[in-house]
PDB file of N, CA and C in Angstrom:
ATOM      1  N   MET A   1     -11.304 -53.247 -69.060  1.00  0.00           N
ATOM      2  CA  MET A   1     -10.621 -52.467 -70.256  1.00  0.00           C
ATOM      3  C   MET A   1      -9.317 -52.803 -70.619  1.00  0.00           C
ATOM      4  N   ALA A   2      -8.644 -53.070 -69.442  1.00  0.00           N
ATOM      5  CA  ALA A   2      -7.149 -52.809 -69.359  1.00  0.00           C
ATOM      6  C   ALA A   2      -6.449 -54.483 -69.904  1.00  0.00           C
ATOM      7  N   GLU A   3      -7.177 -55.431 -69.395  1.00  0.00           N
ATOM      8  CA  GLU A   3      -7.088 -56.449 -70.309  1.00  0.00           C
ATOM      9  C   GLU A   3      -7.320 -56.920 -71.789  1.00  0.00           C
ATOM     10  N   GLN A   4      -7.727 -55.997 -72.014  1.00  0.00           N
ATOM     11  CA  GLN A   4      -8.352 -55.774 -73.457  1.00  0.00           C
ATOM     12  C   GLN A   4      -7.029 -54.918 -74.218  1.00  0.00           C
ATOM     13  N   GLY A   5      -6.529 -54.251 -73.386  1.00  0.00           N
ATOM     14  CA  GLY A   5      -5.257 -53.910 -73.881  1.00  0.00           C
ATOM     15  C   GLY A   5      -5.549 -52.104 -74.118  1.00  0.00           C
ATOM     16  N   ARG A   6      -6.570 -51.570 -73.530  1.00  0.00           N
ATOM     17  CA  ARG A   6      -7.183 -50.476 -73.909  1.00  0.00           C
ATOM     18  C   ARG A   6      -6.285 -49.284 -72.450  1.00  0.00           C
ATOM     19  N   SER A   7      -6.530 -48.251 -73.199  1.00  0.00           N
ATOM     20  CA  SER A   7      -6.016 -46.798 -72.224  1.00  0.00           C
ATOM     21  C   SER A   7      -6.934 -45.821 -72.396  1.00  0.00           C
ATOM     22  N   ILE A   8      -6.996 -45.263 -70.851  1.00  0.00           N
ATOM     23  CA  ILE A   8      -7.779 -43.858 -70.740  1.00  0.00           C
ATOM     24  C   ILE A   8      -6.784 -42.779 -70.612  1.00  0.00           C
ATOM     25  N   ILE A   9      -6.742 -41.674 -71.477  1.00  0.00           N
ATOM     26  CA  ILE A   9      -5.898 -40.678 -71.165  1.00  0.00           C
ATOM     27  C   ILE A   9      -6.845 -39.606 -70.621  1.00  0.00           C
ATOM     28  N   ILE A  10      -5.865 -39.024 -69.888  1.00  0.00           N
ATOM     29  CA  ILE A  10      -6.420 -37.652 -69.104  1.00  0.00           C
ATOM     30  C   ILE A  10      -5.079 -36.796 -68.858  1.00  0.00           C
ATOM     31  N   ILE A  11      -5.672 -35.489 -68.677  1.00  0.00           N
ATOM     32  CA  ILE A  11      -5.014 -34.587 -68.834  1.00  0.00           C
ATOM     33  C   ILE A  11      -5.103 -33.622 -67.664  1.00  0.00           C
ATOM     34  N   SER A  12      -4.255 -33.487 -66.672  1.00  0.00           N
ATOM     35  CA  SER A  12      -4.472 -32.820 -65.502  1.00  0.00           C
ATOM     36  C   SER A  12      -3.078 -32.354 -64.707  1.00  0.00           C
ATOM     37  N   HIS A  13      -3.241 -31.134 -64.175  1.00  0.00           N
ATOM     38  CA  HIS A  13      -1.911 -31.114 -63.269  1.00  0.00           C
ATOM     39  C   HIS A  13      -2.340 -31.147 -61.765  1.00  0.00           C
ATOM     40  N   LYS A  14      -3.019 -31.972 -61.724  1.00  0.00           N
ATOM     41  CA  LYS A  14      -3.415 -32.384 -59.880  1.00  0.00           C
ATOM     42  C   LYS A  14      -2.938 -33.440 -60.285  1.00  0.00           C
ATOM     43  N   LEU A  15      -1.712 -33.363 -59.181  1.00  0.00           N
ATOM     44  CA  LEU A  15      -1.038 -33.989 -58.745  1.00  0.00           C
ATOM     45  C   LEU A  15      -1.642 -35.274 -57.712  1.00  0.00           C
ATOM     46  N   SER A  16      -2.457 -34.817 -56.833  1.00  0.00           N
ATOM     47  CA  SER A  16      -3.031 -36.083 -56.183  1.00  0.00           C
ATOM     48  C   SER A  16      -3.746 -36.974 -56.652  1.00  0.00           C
ATOM     49  N   GLU A  17      -4.311 -36.125 -57.965  1.00  0.00           N
ATOM     50  CA  GLU A  17      -5.247 -37.226 -59.003  1.00  0.00           C
ATOM     51  C   GLU A  17      -4.978 -37.684 -59.662  1.00  0.00           C
ATOM     52  N   VAL A  18      -3.784 -37.233 -60.256  1.00  0.00           N
ATOM     53  CA  VAL A  18      -2.808 -38.323 -61.293  1.00  0.00           C
ATOM     54  C   VAL A  18      -2.179 -39.565 -60.204  1.00  0.00           C
ATOM     55  N   MET A  19      -1.624 -39.475 -59.009  1.00  0.00           N
ATOM     56  CA  MET A  19      -1.478 -40.208 -58.823  1.00  0.00           C
ATOM     57  C   MET A  19      -2.131 -41.461 -58.293  1.00  0.00           C
ATOM     58  N   ALA A  20      -3.630 -40.986 -57.854  1.00  0.00           N
ATOM     59  CA  ALA A  20      -5.069 -42.136 -57.267  1.00  0.00           C
ATOM     60  C   ALA A  20      -5.255 -42.738 -58.332  1.00  0.00           C
ATOM     61  N   VAL A  21      -5.287 -42.344 -59.714  1.00  0.00           N
ATOM     62  CA  VAL A  21      -6.008 -42.766 -60.673  1.00  0.00           C
ATOM     63  C   VAL A  21      -4.873 -43.686 -61.726  1.00  0.00           C
ATOM     64  N   SER A  22      -3.698 -42.959 -62.089  1.00  0.00           N
ATOM     65  CA  SER A  22      -2.898 -43.985 -62.995  1.00  0.00           C
ATOM     66  C   SER A  22      -1.860 -45.144 -62.590  1.00  0.00           C
ATOM     67  N   ASP A  23      -1.792 -45.590 -63.348  1.00  0.00           N
ATOM     68  CA  ASP A  23      -0.971 -46.834 -63.796  1.00  0.00           C
ATOM     69  C   ASP A  23       0.554 -46.166 -64.157  1.00  0.00           C
ATOM     70  N   ARG A  24       0.245 -45.417 -64.781  1.00  0.00           N
ATOM     71  CA  ARG A  24       1.835 -44.721 -65.564  1.00  0.00           C
ATOM     72  C   ARG A  24       1.453 -43.424 -66.016  1.00  0.00           C
ATOM     73  N   VAL A  25       2.640 -42.516 -66.158  1.00  0.00           N
ATOM     74  CA  VAL A  25       2.208 -41.194 -66.270  1.00  0.00           C
ATOM     75  C   VAL A  25       3.499 -40.713 -67.247  1.00  0.00           C
ATOM     76  N   SER A  26       3.203 -39.998 -68.390  1.00  0.00           N
ATOM     77  CA  SER A  26       3.923 -39.365 -68.995  1.00  0.00           C
ATOM     78  C   SER A  26       3.705 -37.432 -69.063  1.00  0.00           C
ATOM     79  N   VAL A  27       4.839 -36.862 -68.564  1.00  0.00           N
ATOM     80  CA  VAL A  27       5.087 -35.759 -68.208  1.00  0.00           C
ATOM     81  C   VAL A  27       5.364 -34.718 -69.783  1.00  0.00           C
ATOM     82  N   LEU A  28       4.806 -33.817 -70.033  1.00  0.00           N
ATOM     83  CA  LEU A  28       5.020 -32.652 -71.295  1.00  0.00           C
ATOM     84  C   LEU A  28       5.557 -31.854 -70.808  1.00  0.00           C
ATOM     85  N   ARG A  29       6.704 -30.906 -70.940  1.00  0.00           N
ATOM     86  CA  ARG A  29       6.574 -29.672 -70.726  1.00  0.00           C
ATOM     87  C   ARG A  29       7.566 -29.103 -71.989  1.00  0.00           C
ATOM     88  N   ASP A  30       6.767 -27.653 -71.958  1.00  0.00           N
ATOM     89  CA  ASP A  30       6.863 -26.677 -73.016  1.00  0.00           C
ATOM     90  C   ASP A  30       6.333 -27.829 -74.488  1.00  0.00           C
ATOM     91  N   GLY A  31       5.624 -28.636 -74.369  1.00  0.00           N
ATOM     92  CA  GLY A  31       5.259 -29.495 -75.634  1.00  0.00           C
ATOM     93  C   GLY A  31       6.211 -30.829 -76.000  1.00  0.00           C
ATOM     94  N   LYS A  32       7.062 -30.450 -75.439  1.00  0.00           N
ATOM     95  CA  LYS A  32       8.029 -31.926 -75.215  1.00  0.00           C
ATOM     96  C   LYS A  32       7.853 -32.837 -74.042  1.00  0.00           C
ATOM     97  N   HIS A  33       8.092 -34.041 -74.735  1.00  0.00           N
ATOM     98  CA  HIS A  33       7.851 -35.362 -73.802  1.00  0.00           C
ATOM     99  C   HIS A  33       9.267 -35.243 -73.040  1.00  0.00           C
ATOM    100  N   VAL A  34       9.403 -35.270 -71.557  1.00  0.00           N
ATOM    101  CA  VAL A  34      10.024 -35.170 -70.493  1.00  0.00           C
ATOM    102  C   VAL A  34      10.341 -36.656 -70.003  1.00  0.00           C
ATOM    103  N   ALA A  35       9.497 -37.570 -69.977  1.00  0.00           N
ATOM    104  CA  ALA A  35       9.261 -38.657 -69.158  1.00  0.00           C
ATOM    105  C   ALA A  35       8.372 -39.514 -69.115  1.00  0.00           C
ATOM    106  N   THR A  36       8.463 -40.831 -68.730  1.00  0.00           N
ATOM    107  CA  THR A  36       7.082 -41.752 -68.674  1.00  0.00           C
ATOM    108  C   THR A  36       7.346 -41.945 -67.204  1.00  0.00           C
ATOM    109  N   VAL A  37       6.862 -42.386 -66.941  1.00  0.00           N
ATOM    110  CA  VAL A  37       7.242 -43.263 -65.411  1.00  0.00           C
ATOM    111  C   VAL A  37       5.904 -44.189 -64.795  1.00  0.00           C
ATOM    112  N   ASN A  38       6.385 -45.014 -64.118  1.00  0.00           N
ATOM    113  CA  ASN A  38       5.511 -46.189 -63.927  1.00  0.00           C
ATOM    114  C   ASN A  38       5.149 -44.979 -61.993  1.00  0.00           C
ATOM    115  N   THR A  39       4.007 -44.828 -61.681  1.00  0.00           N
ATOM    116  CA  THR A  39       3.563 -44.325 -61.248  1.00  0.00           C
ATOM    117  C   THR A  39       3.686 -45.253 -59.677  1.00  0.00           C
ATOM    118  N   SER A  40       3.705 -46.300 -59.524  1.00  0.00           N
ATOM    119  CA  SER A  40       4.480 -47.075 -58.567  1.00  0.00           C
ATOM    120  C   SER A  40       5.347 -46.588 -58.051  1.00  0.00           C
ATOM    121  N   ASN A  41       6.346 -46.317 -59.099  1.00  0.00           N
ATOM    122  CA  ASN A  41       7.760 -45.998 -58.703  1.00  0.00           C
ATOM    123  C   ASN A  41       8.352 -44.390 -58.524  1.00  0.00           C
ATOM    124  N   THR A  42       7.228 -43.614 -58.717  1.00  0.00           N
ATOM    125  CA  THR A  42       7.474 -42.207 -58.297  1.00  0.00           C
ATOM    126  C   THR A  42       6.692 -41.646 -57.137  1.00  0.00           C
ATOM    127  N   CYS A  43       6.753 -40.303 -57.075  1.00  0.00           N
ATOM    128  CA  CYS A  43       6.073 -39.433 -56.059  1.00  0.00           C
ATOM    129  C   CYS A  43       5.372 -38.173 -56.662  1.00  0.00           C
ATOM    130  N   PRO A  44       4.734 -37.598 -56.125  1.00  0.00           N
ATOM    131  CA  PRO A  44       3.914 -36.124 -56.338  1.00  0.00           C
ATOM    132  C   PRO A  44       5.375 -34.664 -56.925  1.00  0.00           C
ATOM    133  N   GLU A  45       6.184 -34.794 -55.784  1.00  0.00           N
ATOM    134  CA  GLU A  45       7.411 -34.454 -55.779  1.00  0.00           C
ATOM    135  C   GLU A  45       8.212 -34.340 -56.979  1.00  0.00           C
ATOM    136  N   GLU A  46       8.602 -35.699 -57.484  1.00  0.00           N
ATOM    137  CA  GLU A  46       9.218 -35.978 -58.619  1.00  0.00           C
ATOM    138  C   GLU A  46       8.424 -35.400 -59.626  1.00  0.00           C
ATOM    139  N   LEU A  47       7.224 -36.051 -59.754  1.00  0.00           N
ATOM    140  CA  LEU A  47       6.419 -35.628 -61.075  1.00  0.00           C
ATOM    141  C   LEU A  47       6.238 -33.856 -61.348  1.00  0.00           C
ATOM    142  N   ALA A  48       6.118 -33.252 -60.360  1.00  0.00           N
ATOM    143  CA  ALA A  48       6.173 -31.613 -59.971  1.00  0.00           C
ATOM    144  C   ALA A  48       8.023 -31.229 -60.770  1.00  0.00           C
ATOM    145  N   ARG A  49       9.165 -31.956 -59.940  1.00  0.00           N
ATOM    146  CA  ARG A  49      10.264 -31.707 -60.950  1.00  0.00           C
ATOM    147  C   ARG A  49      10.225 -32.014 -61.805  1.00  0.00           C
ATOM    148  N   LEU A  50       9.644 -32.681 -62.532  1.00  0.00           N
ATOM    149  CA  LEU A  50       9.975 -33.328 -64.097  1.00  0.00           C
ATOM    150  C   LEU A  50       9.044 -32.303 -64.749  1.00  0.00           C
ATOM    151  N   MET A  51       7.998 -31.970 -64.284  1.00  0.00           N
ATOM    152  CA  MET A  51       7.010 -30.521 -64.910  1.00  0.00           C
ATOM    153  C   MET A  51       7.440 -29.272 -64.577  1.00  0.00           C
ATOM    154  N   VAL A  52       8.442 -28.958 -64.025  1.00  0.00           N
ATOM    155  CA  VAL A  52       8.452 -27.517 -63.689  1.00  0.00           C
ATOM    156  C   VAL A  52      10.346 -27.457 -64.029  1.00  0.00           C
ATOM    157  N   GLY A  53      10.859 -28.953 -64.228  1.00  0.00           N
ATOM    158  CA  GLY A  53      12.489 -28.963 -64.983  1.00  0.00           C
ATOM    159  C   GLY A  53      13.752 -28.522 -63.750  1.00  0.00           C
ATOM    160  N   ARG A  54      13.110 -28.279 -62.534  1.00  0.00           N
ATOM    161  CA  ARG A  54      13.416 -27.900 -61.877  1.00  0.00           C
ATOM    162  C   ARG A  54      13.090 -28.393 -60.080  1.00  0.00           C
ATOM    163  N   GLU A  55      14.215 -28.562 -58.469  1.00  0.00           N
ATOM    164  CA  GLU A  55      13.626 -29.183 -57.924  1.00  0.00           C
ATOM    165  C   GLU A  55      12.222 -27.774 -57.388  1.00  0.00           C
ATOM    166  N   THR A  56      11.551 -28.056 -56.822  1.00  0.00           N
ATOM    167  CA  THR A  56      10.297 -27.508 -55.983  1.00  0.00           C
ATOM    168  C   THR A  56       9.748 -28.304 -54.831  1.00  0.00           C
ATOM    169  N   SER A  57       9.196 -27.333 -53.886  1.00  0.00           N
ATOM    170  CA  SER A  57       8.331 -28.045 -52.686  1.00  0.00           C
ATOM    171  C   SER A  57       6.812 -27.848 -52.979  1.00  0.00           C
ATOM    172  N   VAL A  58       6.653 -26.160 -53.912  1.00  0.00           N
ATOM    173  CA  VAL A  58       5.381 -26.056 -53.729  1.00  0.00           C
ATOM    174  C   VAL A  58       5.351 -25.737 -55.480  1.00  0.00           C
ATOM    175  N   LEU A  59       4.083 -26.319 -55.713  1.00  0.00           N
ATOM    176  CA  LEU A  59       4.124 -26.173 -57.503  1.00  0.00           C
ATOM    177  C   LEU A  59       3.807 -24.682 -57.544  1.00  0.00           C
ATOM    178  N   SER A  60       4.419 -23.752 -58.308  1.00  0.00           N
ATOM    179  CA  SER A  60       4.293 -22.362 -58.905  1.00  0.00           C
ATOM    180  C   SER A  60       3.322 -22.732 -60.166  1.00  0.00           C
ATOM    181  N   ARG A  61       3.161 -20.999 -60.387  1.00  0.00           N
ATOM    182  CA  ARG A  61       2.293 -21.066 -61.563  1.00  0.00           C
ATOM    183  C   ARG A  61       3.230 -21.379 -63.049  1.00  0.00           C
ATOM    184  N   GLU A  62       4.245 -21.579 -62.960  1.00  0.00           N
ATOM    185  CA  GLU A  62       4.719 -21.838 -64.068  1.00  0.00           C
ATOM    186  C   GLU A  62       4.288 -23.616 -64.734  1.00  0.00           C
ATOM    187  N   SER A  63       4.170 -24.416 -63.024  1.00  0.00           N
ATOM    188  CA  SER A  63       3.580 -25.286 -63.391  1.00  0.00           C
ATOM    189  C   SER A  63       2.198 -25.458 -64.160  1.00  0.00           C
ATOM    190  N   ARG A  64       1.569 -24.488 -64.256  1.00  0.00           N
ATOM    191  CA  ARG A  64       0.208 -25.098 -64.436  1.00  0.00           C
ATOM    192  C   ARG A  64       0.109 -24.881 -65.694  1.00  0.00           C
ATOM    193  N   THR A  65       1.027 -24.176 -66.583  1.00  0.00           N
ATOM    194  CA  THR A  65       1.179 -24.465 -67.994  1.00  0.00           C
ATOM    195  C   THR A  65       1.709 -26.143 -68.570  1.00  0.00           C
ATOM    196  N   CYS A  66       2.129 -27.037 -67.867  1.00  0.00           N
ATOM    197  CA  CYS A  66       2.427 -28.060 -68.315  1.00  0.00           C
ATOM    198  C   CYS A  66       1.275 -29.019 -67.641  1.00  0.00           C
ATOM    199  N   PHE A  67       1.071 -30.256 -68.040  1.00  0.00           N
ATOM    200  CA  PHE A  67       0.103 -31.055 -68.792  1.00  0.00           C
ATOM    201  C   PHE A  67       0.977 -32.445 -68.090  1.00  0.00           C
ATOM    202  N   VAL A  68       0.408 -32.957 -67.430  1.00  0.00           N
ATOM    203  CA  VAL A  68       0.504 -34.980 -67.509  1.00  0.00           C
ATOM    204  C   VAL A  68      -0.529 -35.850 -68.107  1.00  0.00           C
ATOM    205  N   THR A  69       0.156 -36.333 -68.555  1.00  0.00           N
ATOM    206  CA  THR A  69      -0.986 -37.463 -69.332  1.00  0.00           C
ATOM    207  C   THR A  69      -0.710 -38.616 -68.528  1.00  0.00           C
ATOM    208  N   LEU A  70      -2.094 -39.121 -68.376  1.00  0.00           N
ATOM    209  CA  LEU A  70      -2.371 -40.454 -67.494  1.00  0.00           C
ATOM    210  C   LEU A  70      -2.602 -41.708 -68.515  1.00  0.00           C
ATOM    211  N   PHE A  71      -1.719 -42.580 -68.297  1.00  0.00           N
ATOM    212  CA  PHE A  71      -2.550 -43.881 -68.968  1.00  0.00           C
ATOM    213  C   PHE A  71      -2.784 -44.873 -67.861  1.00  0.00           C
ATOM    214  N   TRP A  72      -4.508 -45.077 -67.783  1.00  0.00           N
ATOM    215  CA  TRP A  72      -5.188 -45.478 -66.867  1.00  0.00           C
ATOM    216  C   TRP A  72      -5.790 -46.625 -67.266  1.00  0.00           C
ATOM    217  N   LYS A  73      -5.341 -47.720 -66.263  1.00  0.00           N
ATOM    218  CA  LYS A  73      -6.115 -49.475 -66.490  1.00  0.00           C
ATOM    219  C   LYS A  73      -7.222 -49.235 -66.132  1.00  0.00           C
ATOM    220  N   CYS A  74      -8.326 -49.645 -67.074  1.00  0.00           N
ATOM    221  CA  CYS A  74      -9.710 -49.272 -66.294  1.00  0.00           C
ATOM    222  C   CYS A  74     -10.036 -50.833 -65.849  1.00  0.00           C
ATOM    223  N   GLY A  75     -10.850 -51.112 -64.868  1.00  0.00           N
ATOM    224  CA  GLY A  75     -10.975 -51.988 -64.446  1.00  0.00           C
ATOM    225  C   GLY A  75     -12.649 -52.521 -64.510  1.00  0.00           C
ATOM    226  N   ILE A  76     -13.233 -51.825 -65.562  1.00  0.00           N
ATOM    227  CA  ILE A  76     -14.169 -52.024 -66.303  1.00  0.00           C
ATOM    228  C   ILE A  76     -14.693 -53.274 -67.129  1.00  0.00           C
TER     229      ILE A  76
END
């Protein structure tokens, strides 16, 4: 599907899954676009920081209201 220019969009806050299945990640906070990054150029800690708007070592309840949109190249 990637070769055909198609994408799959997944909404999740489970960062280990996000990192495992995505090529590109867009982060929304409070309904606003915060950033879009290539998965290969980021880490779960950076995504968590973007999600909650501050440094964090453990995801707080606050992050559960934020979502990450995945742009996943599908090899089907």
